[in-house]
Amino acid sequence: MHISIGTMRGIALLAMAALISPAATAQSTQPWPSRPLRIVVPFAPGGTTDLIARMVAEGLSRELGQPVVVENKAGAGGNLGAAEVARAEADGYTLMMGTPGPLAINRLVIANTPYQADKDFAAVSYVADVPNVVLANPATGFRRSS
């Protein structure tokens, strides 16, 4: 998968606009970003979300001139990493690779999800489509259980 420079610029600009609070901007005299950014992946290393985050981080780092570090915070179906990002300061330096699990499904299947996705996160950019398929062994096919 190739992520274009235009996409990188868009992510950077949206992150700045959506995540930097007016109070933080008023207090800061330094341009954003003035320090490294981090992208939290709420899953273990090596999966699709992690790989995409690392590609985005590489492009953002080149585009912004600052290191962009990917941190994997796996556990509870993505809730541990998502909760950490929800608690982070809204200054544009902590991002999360969101997926349907922590952003939509977990609150329906896990009691006491430690954040409210619709209130604790601001969408920054659409990054990728990840196809999913259902497969079956051709010898046995798909059998409906009764």
N, C-alpha and C. Protein backbone atom coordinates (compact mmCIF):
# COMPACT_ATOMS: atom_id res chain seq x y z
N MET A 1 0.84 -1.16 0.00
CA MET A 1 0.00 0.00 0.00
C MET A 1 0.89 1.23 0.00
N HIS A 2 0.54 2.20 -0.81
CA HIS A 2 1.27 3.46 -0.88
C HIS A 2 0.40 4.58 -0.33
N ILE A 3 0.97 5.37 0.56
CA ILE A 3 0.26 6.52 1.09
C ILE A 3 0.95 7.76 0.56
N SER A 4 0.22 8.59 -0.14
CA SER A 4 0.80 9.73 -0.84
C SER A 4 1.18 10.86 0.10
N ILE A 5 2.06 11.72 -0.39
CA ILE A 5 2.45 12.92 0.36
C ILE A 5 1.24 13.80 0.62
N GLY A 6 0.34 13.88 -0.34
CA GLY A 6 -0.89 14.66 -0.14
C GLY A 6 -1.69 14.14 1.04
N THR A 7 -1.77 12.81 1.17
CA THR A 7 -2.46 12.23 2.32
C THR A 7 -1.74 12.58 3.61
N MET A 8 -0.41 12.51 3.59
CA MET A 8 0.38 12.87 4.77
C MET A 8 0.12 14.32 5.17
N ARG A 9 0.13 15.21 4.21
CA ARG A 9 -0.14 16.63 4.50
C ARG A 9 -1.54 16.79 5.08
N GLY A 10 -2.50 16.10 4.50
CA GLY A 10 -3.87 16.18 4.99
C GLY A 10 -3.99 15.69 6.42
N ILE A 11 -3.34 14.57 6.72
CA ILE A 11 -3.38 14.04 8.08
C ILE A 11 -2.75 15.05 9.04
N ALA A 12 -1.62 15.60 8.66
CA ALA A 12 -0.94 16.57 9.52
C ALA A 12 -1.79 17.80 9.77
N LEU A 13 -2.38 18.34 8.73
CA LEU A 13 -3.20 19.54 8.88
C LEU A 13 -4.47 19.26 9.68
N LEU A 14 -5.10 18.12 9.42
CA LEU A 14 -6.29 17.78 10.18
C LEU A 14 -5.98 17.52 11.65
N ALA A 15 -4.85 16.88 11.90
CA ALA A 15 -4.45 16.64 13.29
C ALA A 15 -4.27 17.96 14.02
N MET A 16 -3.63 18.88 13.36
CA MET A 16 -3.41 20.18 13.96
C MET A 16 -4.74 20.88 14.22
N ALA A 17 -5.62 20.88 13.25
CA ALA A 17 -6.89 21.59 13.39
C ALA A 17 -7.84 20.92 14.37
N ALA A 18 -7.90 19.59 14.34
CA ALA A 18 -8.88 18.88 15.14
C ALA A 18 -8.45 18.64 16.58
N LEU A 19 -7.16 18.52 16.82
CA LEU A 19 -6.72 18.08 18.13
C LEU A 19 -6.11 19.15 19.01
N ILE A 20 -5.68 20.24 18.47
CA ILE A 20 -5.06 21.26 19.29
C ILE A 20 -6.14 22.17 19.85
N SER A 21 -6.22 22.20 21.16
CA SER A 21 -7.25 23.02 21.79
C SER A 21 -6.89 24.49 21.68
N PRO A 22 -7.89 25.38 21.64
CA PRO A 22 -7.61 26.82 21.58
C PRO A 22 -6.77 27.30 22.76
N ALA A 23 -7.01 26.74 23.95
CA ALA A 23 -6.24 27.16 25.12
C ALA A 23 -4.77 26.78 24.96
N ALA A 24 -4.52 25.56 24.47
CA ALA A 24 -3.13 25.14 24.29
C ALA A 24 -2.45 25.99 23.23
N THR A 25 -3.17 26.33 22.17
CA THR A 25 -2.60 27.14 21.10
C THR A 25 -2.27 28.54 21.61
N ALA A 26 -3.15 29.11 22.42
CA ALA A 26 -2.93 30.45 22.94
C ALA A 26 -1.72 30.50 23.86
N GLN A 27 -1.47 29.43 24.60
CA GLN A 27 -0.36 29.40 25.55
C GLN A 27 0.97 29.09 24.87
N SER A 28 0.95 28.45 23.73
CA SER A 28 2.17 28.03 23.07
C SER A 28 2.63 29.06 22.05
N THR A 29 3.92 29.33 22.07
CA THR A 29 4.49 30.24 21.06
C THR A 29 5.24 29.46 20.00
N GLN A 30 5.38 28.15 20.20
CA GLN A 30 6.11 27.33 19.25
C GLN A 30 5.15 26.80 18.18
N PRO A 31 5.64 26.71 16.94
CA PRO A 31 4.79 26.13 15.88
C PRO A 31 4.61 24.63 16.11
N TRP A 32 3.48 24.13 15.62
CA TRP A 32 3.23 22.68 15.72
C TRP A 32 3.73 22.01 14.47
N PRO A 33 4.41 20.90 14.55
CA PRO A 33 4.84 20.21 15.76
C PRO A 33 6.23 20.68 16.19
N SER A 34 6.40 20.85 17.45
CA SER A 34 7.70 21.27 17.97
C SER A 34 8.39 20.14 18.71
N ARG A 35 7.76 18.97 18.74
CA ARG A 35 8.34 17.79 19.39
C ARG A 35 7.78 16.54 18.71
N PRO A 36 8.33 15.37 19.03
CA PRO A 36 7.85 14.14 18.40
C PRO A 36 6.38 13.87 18.65
N LEU A 37 5.76 13.21 17.68
CA LEU A 37 4.37 12.76 17.80
C LEU A 37 4.38 11.27 18.07
N ARG A 38 3.27 10.76 18.57
CA ARG A 38 3.15 9.32 18.71
C ARG A 38 1.80 8.87 18.18
N ILE A 39 1.83 7.71 17.57
CA ILE A 39 0.62 7.06 17.09
C ILE A 39 0.46 5.80 17.91
N VAL A 40 -0.62 5.73 18.68
CA VAL A 40 -0.91 4.55 19.48
C VAL A 40 -1.70 3.57 18.62
N VAL A 41 -1.22 2.35 18.57
CA VAL A 41 -1.93 1.26 17.91
C VAL A 41 -2.47 0.38 19.03
N PRO A 42 -3.80 0.26 19.15
CA PRO A 42 -4.35 -0.48 20.28
C PRO A 42 -4.33 -2.01 20.10
N PHE A 43 -3.37 -2.49 19.36
CA PHE A 43 -3.22 -3.92 19.10
C PHE A 43 -1.74 -4.30 19.13
N ALA A 44 -1.48 -5.59 19.11
CA ALA A 44 -0.10 -6.10 19.14
C ALA A 44 0.64 -5.75 17.86
N PRO A 45 1.97 -5.71 17.92
CA PRO A 45 2.76 -5.44 16.72
C PRO A 45 2.59 -6.53 15.67
N GLY A 46 2.73 -6.15 14.41
CA GLY A 46 2.74 -7.11 13.32
C GLY A 46 1.44 -7.28 12.57
N GLY A 47 0.36 -6.76 13.10
CA GLY A 47 -0.93 -6.87 12.42
C GLY A 47 -1.11 -5.76 11.40
N THR A 48 -2.22 -5.81 10.71
CA THR A 48 -2.50 -4.83 9.67
C THR A 48 -2.52 -3.40 10.19
N THR A 49 -3.17 -3.17 11.33
CA THR A 49 -3.25 -1.82 11.89
C THR A 49 -1.86 -1.30 12.23
N ASP A 50 -1.02 -2.15 12.77
CA ASP A 50 0.36 -1.77 13.11
C ASP A 50 1.15 -1.43 11.85
N LEU A 51 1.03 -2.25 10.83
CA LEU A 51 1.79 -2.01 9.59
C LEU A 51 1.36 -0.70 8.93
N ILE A 52 0.06 -0.45 8.89
CA ILE A 52 -0.43 0.80 8.30
C ILE A 52 0.05 2.00 9.13
N ALA A 53 -0.01 1.87 10.45
CA ALA A 53 0.45 2.96 11.33
C ALA A 53 1.92 3.28 11.07
N ARG A 54 2.72 2.29 10.85
CA ARG A 54 4.16 2.51 10.62
C ARG A 54 4.40 3.20 9.28
N MET A 55 3.59 2.86 8.27
CA MET A 55 3.71 3.56 6.98
C MET A 55 3.29 5.02 7.13
N VAL A 56 2.20 5.26 7.85
CA VAL A 56 1.74 6.63 8.08
C VAL A 56 2.79 7.40 8.88
N ALA A 57 3.34 6.78 9.91
CA ALA A 57 4.35 7.44 10.75
C ALA A 57 5.58 7.83 9.94
N GLU A 58 6.01 6.95 9.06
CA GLU A 58 7.19 7.25 8.23
C GLU A 58 6.93 8.46 7.34
N GLY A 59 5.78 8.48 6.69
CA GLY A 59 5.44 9.60 5.82
C GLY A 59 5.23 10.89 6.59
N LEU A 60 4.55 10.82 7.72
CA LEU A 60 4.34 12.02 8.53
C LEU A 60 5.65 12.58 9.05
N SER A 61 6.53 11.70 9.47
CA SER A 61 7.84 12.13 9.97
C SER A 61 8.61 12.91 8.91
N ARG A 62 8.61 12.38 7.70
CA ARG A 62 9.28 13.09 6.59
C ARG A 62 8.62 14.43 6.33
N GLU A 63 7.29 14.43 6.29
CA GLU A 63 6.54 15.64 5.95
C GLU A 63 6.64 16.71 7.03
N LEU A 64 6.61 16.30 8.29
CA LEU A 64 6.59 17.26 9.40
C LEU A 64 7.97 17.62 9.94
N GLY A 65 8.97 16.81 9.61
CA GLY A 65 10.31 17.08 10.12
C GLY A 65 10.45 16.77 11.60
N GLN A 66 9.60 15.92 12.11
CA GLN A 66 9.65 15.48 13.51
C GLN A 66 9.51 13.96 13.54
N PRO A 67 10.13 13.31 14.53
CA PRO A 67 9.90 11.87 14.66
C PRO A 67 8.44 11.57 14.98
N VAL A 68 7.94 10.50 14.41
CA VAL A 68 6.60 10.01 14.71
C VAL A 68 6.78 8.56 15.15
N VAL A 69 6.50 8.30 16.41
CA VAL A 69 6.76 7.00 17.02
C VAL A 69 5.46 6.21 17.11
N VAL A 70 5.51 4.95 16.72
CA VAL A 70 4.35 4.06 16.84
C VAL A 70 4.51 3.28 18.14
N GLU A 71 3.48 3.33 18.97
CA GLU A 71 3.47 2.60 20.24
C GLU A 71 2.30 1.61 20.23
N ASN A 72 2.59 0.35 20.45
CA ASN A 72 1.56 -0.68 20.51
C ASN A 72 1.11 -0.83 21.97
N LYS A 73 -0.18 -0.68 22.19
CA LYS A 73 -0.78 -0.82 23.53
C LYS A 73 -1.94 -1.80 23.40
N ALA A 74 -1.61 -3.08 23.32
CA ALA A 74 -2.61 -4.11 23.09
C ALA A 74 -3.33 -4.50 24.37
N GLY A 75 -4.54 -4.99 24.21
CA GLY A 75 -5.29 -5.56 25.32
C GLY A 75 -6.74 -5.14 25.32
N ALA A 76 -7.58 -6.04 25.80
CA ALA A 76 -9.02 -5.80 25.94
C ALA A 76 -9.67 -5.39 24.62
N GLY A 77 -9.27 -6.04 23.54
CA GLY A 77 -9.87 -5.76 22.24
C GLY A 77 -9.61 -4.36 21.73
N GLY A 78 -8.53 -3.75 22.17
CA GLY A 78 -8.19 -2.39 21.76
C GLY A 78 -8.53 -1.34 22.81
N ASN A 79 -9.24 -1.72 23.87
CA ASN A 79 -9.66 -0.76 24.88
C ASN A 79 -8.50 -0.14 25.66
N LEU A 80 -7.44 -0.90 25.91
CA LEU A 80 -6.33 -0.35 26.70
C LEU A 80 -5.65 0.80 25.97
N GLY A 81 -5.34 0.60 24.71
CA GLY A 81 -4.71 1.67 23.92
C GLY A 81 -5.65 2.84 23.71
N ALA A 82 -6.91 2.56 23.42
CA ALA A 82 -7.87 3.63 23.19
C ALA A 82 -8.08 4.45 24.46
N ALA A 83 -8.13 3.80 25.61
CA ALA A 83 -8.30 4.52 26.87
C ALA A 83 -7.11 5.43 27.14
N GLU A 84 -5.92 4.96 26.81
CA GLU A 84 -4.72 5.80 26.99
C GLU A 84 -4.80 7.06 26.12
N VAL A 85 -5.22 6.90 24.90
CA VAL A 85 -5.33 8.05 24.01
C VAL A 85 -6.45 8.99 24.49
N ALA A 86 -7.55 8.43 24.97
CA ALA A 86 -8.65 9.26 25.48
C ALA A 86 -8.19 10.11 26.66
N ARG A 87 -7.27 9.58 27.46
CA ARG A 87 -6.76 10.33 28.63
C ARG A 87 -5.64 11.32 28.26
N ALA A 88 -5.08 11.19 27.08
CA ALA A 88 -3.95 12.05 26.68
C ALA A 88 -4.41 13.49 26.51
N GLU A 89 -3.48 14.40 26.68
CA GLU A 89 -3.77 15.81 26.47
C GLU A 89 -4.16 16.04 25.01
N ALA A 90 -5.16 16.87 24.78
CA ALA A 90 -5.65 17.16 23.42
C ALA A 90 -4.78 18.23 22.78
N ASP A 91 -3.53 17.87 22.50
CA ASP A 91 -2.57 18.84 21.97
C ASP A 91 -2.08 18.49 20.57
N GLY A 92 -2.59 17.43 19.97
CA GLY A 92 -2.20 17.05 18.62
C GLY A 92 -0.95 16.19 18.55
N TYR A 93 -0.39 15.80 19.69
CA TYR A 93 0.83 14.99 19.68
C TYR A 93 0.58 13.51 19.92
N THR A 94 -0.63 13.14 20.32
CA THR A 94 -0.98 11.73 20.51
C THR A 94 -2.13 11.40 19.58
N LEU A 95 -1.89 10.48 18.67
CA LEU A 95 -2.88 10.03 17.70
C LEU A 95 -3.14 8.55 17.93
N MET A 96 -4.21 8.03 17.38
CA MET A 96 -4.50 6.60 17.47
C MET A 96 -4.95 6.09 16.12
N MET A 97 -4.50 4.91 15.77
CA MET A 97 -5.02 4.24 14.59
C MET A 97 -6.32 3.57 15.01
N GLY A 98 -7.42 4.21 14.68
CA GLY A 98 -8.72 3.71 15.09
C GLY A 98 -9.23 2.64 14.15
N THR A 99 -9.92 1.67 14.72
CA THR A 99 -10.56 0.61 13.96
C THR A 99 -11.97 0.43 14.50
N PRO A 100 -12.83 -0.30 13.79
CA PRO A 100 -14.20 -0.47 14.28
C PRO A 100 -14.31 -1.08 15.68
N GLY A 101 -13.38 -1.94 16.04
CA GLY A 101 -13.44 -2.57 17.37
C GLY A 101 -13.50 -1.55 18.49
N PRO A 102 -12.41 -0.82 18.74
CA PRO A 102 -12.43 0.13 19.85
C PRO A 102 -13.34 1.33 19.63
N LEU A 103 -13.62 1.67 18.39
CA LEU A 103 -14.42 2.87 18.14
C LEU A 103 -15.92 2.62 18.08
N ALA A 104 -16.36 1.40 17.80
CA ALA A 104 -17.79 1.16 17.65
C ALA A 104 -18.28 -0.12 18.31
N ILE A 105 -17.57 -1.20 18.17
CA ILE A 105 -18.07 -2.49 18.60
C ILE A 105 -17.87 -2.74 20.10
N ASN A 106 -16.73 -2.37 20.64
CA ASN A 106 -16.40 -2.72 22.02
C ASN A 106 -17.44 -2.25 23.03
N ARG A 107 -17.97 -1.08 22.85
CA ARG A 107 -18.95 -0.59 23.83
C ARG A 107 -20.22 -1.43 23.85
N LEU A 108 -20.45 -2.18 22.79
CA LEU A 108 -21.63 -3.04 22.72
C LEU A 108 -21.39 -4.42 23.33
N VAL A 109 -20.13 -4.85 23.40
CA VAL A 109 -19.83 -6.21 23.87
C VAL A 109 -18.96 -6.26 25.12
N ILE A 110 -18.40 -5.14 25.53
CA ILE A 110 -17.55 -5.11 26.73
C ILE A 110 -18.16 -4.14 27.73
N ALA A 111 -18.49 -4.66 28.89
CA ALA A 111 -19.08 -3.80 29.93
C ALA A 111 -18.04 -2.80 30.43
N ASN A 112 -18.48 -1.61 30.73
CA ASN A 112 -17.64 -0.56 31.31
C ASN A 112 -16.45 -0.18 30.44
N THR A 113 -16.68 0.04 29.17
CA THR A 113 -15.60 0.52 28.30
C THR A 113 -15.11 1.85 28.88
N PRO A 114 -13.79 2.01 29.08
CA PRO A 114 -13.26 3.16 29.82
C PRO A 114 -13.19 4.49 29.05
N TYR A 115 -13.94 4.63 27.99
CA TYR A 115 -13.96 5.87 27.21
C TYR A 115 -15.25 5.88 26.41
N GLN A 116 -15.57 7.05 25.88
CA GLN A 116 -16.72 7.19 24.98
C GLN A 116 -16.18 7.66 23.64
N ALA A 117 -16.13 6.76 22.69
CA ALA A 117 -15.50 7.05 21.40
C ALA A 117 -16.07 8.29 20.74
N ASP A 118 -17.38 8.48 20.81
CA ASP A 118 -17.98 9.63 20.14
C ASP A 118 -17.66 10.95 20.82
N LYS A 119 -17.24 10.93 22.08
CA LYS A 119 -16.93 12.16 22.80
C LYS A 119 -15.44 12.35 23.07
N ASP A 120 -14.69 11.25 23.20
CA ASP A 120 -13.29 11.34 23.60
C ASP A 120 -12.31 11.41 22.44
N PHE A 121 -12.78 11.24 21.20
CA PHE A 121 -11.89 11.26 20.05
C PHE A 121 -12.41 12.22 18.99
N ALA A 122 -11.49 12.80 18.24
CA ALA A 122 -11.83 13.63 17.08
C ALA A 122 -11.23 12.96 15.85
N ALA A 123 -12.04 12.73 14.85
CA ALA A 123 -11.54 12.11 13.62
C ALA A 123 -10.55 13.05 12.95
N VAL A 124 -9.44 12.49 12.50
CA VAL A 124 -8.40 13.28 11.85
C VAL A 124 -8.35 12.99 10.37
N SER A 125 -8.27 11.72 10.00
CA SER A 125 -8.17 11.37 8.58
C SER A 125 -8.56 9.92 8.36
N TYR A 126 -9.17 9.67 7.23
CA TYR A 126 -9.41 8.31 6.78
C TYR A 126 -8.11 7.83 6.18
N VAL A 127 -7.63 6.66 6.58
CA VAL A 127 -6.30 6.22 6.18
C VAL A 127 -6.31 5.06 5.20
N ALA A 128 -7.13 4.03 5.44
CA ALA A 128 -7.03 2.85 4.59
C ALA A 128 -8.30 2.01 4.62
N ASP A 129 -8.53 1.28 3.55
CA ASP A 129 -9.54 0.23 3.49
C ASP A 129 -8.82 -1.08 3.72
N VAL A 130 -9.34 -1.90 4.60
CA VAL A 130 -8.74 -3.21 4.84
C VAL A 130 -9.82 -4.25 4.57
N PRO A 131 -9.68 -5.00 3.48
CA PRO A 131 -10.73 -5.97 3.15
C PRO A 131 -10.71 -7.16 4.09
N ASN A 132 -11.88 -7.70 4.33
CA ASN A 132 -12.04 -8.93 5.10
C ASN A 132 -12.84 -9.89 4.24
N VAL A 133 -12.50 -11.16 4.33
CA VAL A 133 -13.20 -12.16 3.55
C VAL A 133 -13.55 -13.35 4.43
N VAL A 134 -14.56 -14.09 4.03
CA VAL A 134 -14.93 -15.33 4.69
C VAL A 134 -14.49 -16.46 3.77
N LEU A 135 -13.76 -17.40 4.31
CA LEU A 135 -13.25 -18.53 3.52
C LEU A 135 -13.74 -19.84 4.10
N ALA A 136 -13.80 -20.86 3.27
CA ALA A 136 -14.16 -22.20 3.71
C ALA A 136 -13.31 -23.21 2.98
N ASN A 137 -13.12 -24.34 3.58
CA ASN A 137 -12.40 -25.43 2.94
C ASN A 137 -13.24 -25.92 1.77
N PRO A 138 -12.68 -25.96 0.55
CA PRO A 138 -13.49 -26.37 -0.61
C PRO A 138 -13.99 -27.81 -0.53
N ALA A 139 -13.30 -28.63 0.22
CA ALA A 139 -13.74 -30.03 0.34
C ALA A 139 -14.98 -30.15 1.23
N THR A 140 -15.06 -29.32 2.24
CA THR A 140 -16.20 -29.41 3.18
C THR A 140 -17.23 -28.33 2.93
N GLY A 141 -16.81 -27.24 2.34
CA GLY A 141 -17.73 -26.13 2.09
C GLY A 141 -18.25 -25.52 3.37
N PHE A 142 -19.31 -24.77 3.22
CA PHE A 142 -19.93 -24.10 4.34
C PHE A 142 -21.16 -24.88 4.78
N ARG A 143 -21.20 -25.27 6.02
CA ARG A 143 -22.35 -26.02 6.53
C ARG A 143 -23.03 -25.22 7.61
N ARG A 144 -24.27 -25.14 7.48
CA ARG A 144 -25.07 -24.46 8.51
C ARG A 144 -25.34 -25.44 9.64
N SER A 145 -25.04 -25.04 10.86
CA SER A 145 -25.31 -25.92 11.99
C SER A 145 -26.77 -25.77 12.40
N SER A 146 -27.34 -26.84 12.91
CA SER A 146 -28.75 -26.78 13.29
C SER A 146 -28.92 -26.65 14.78
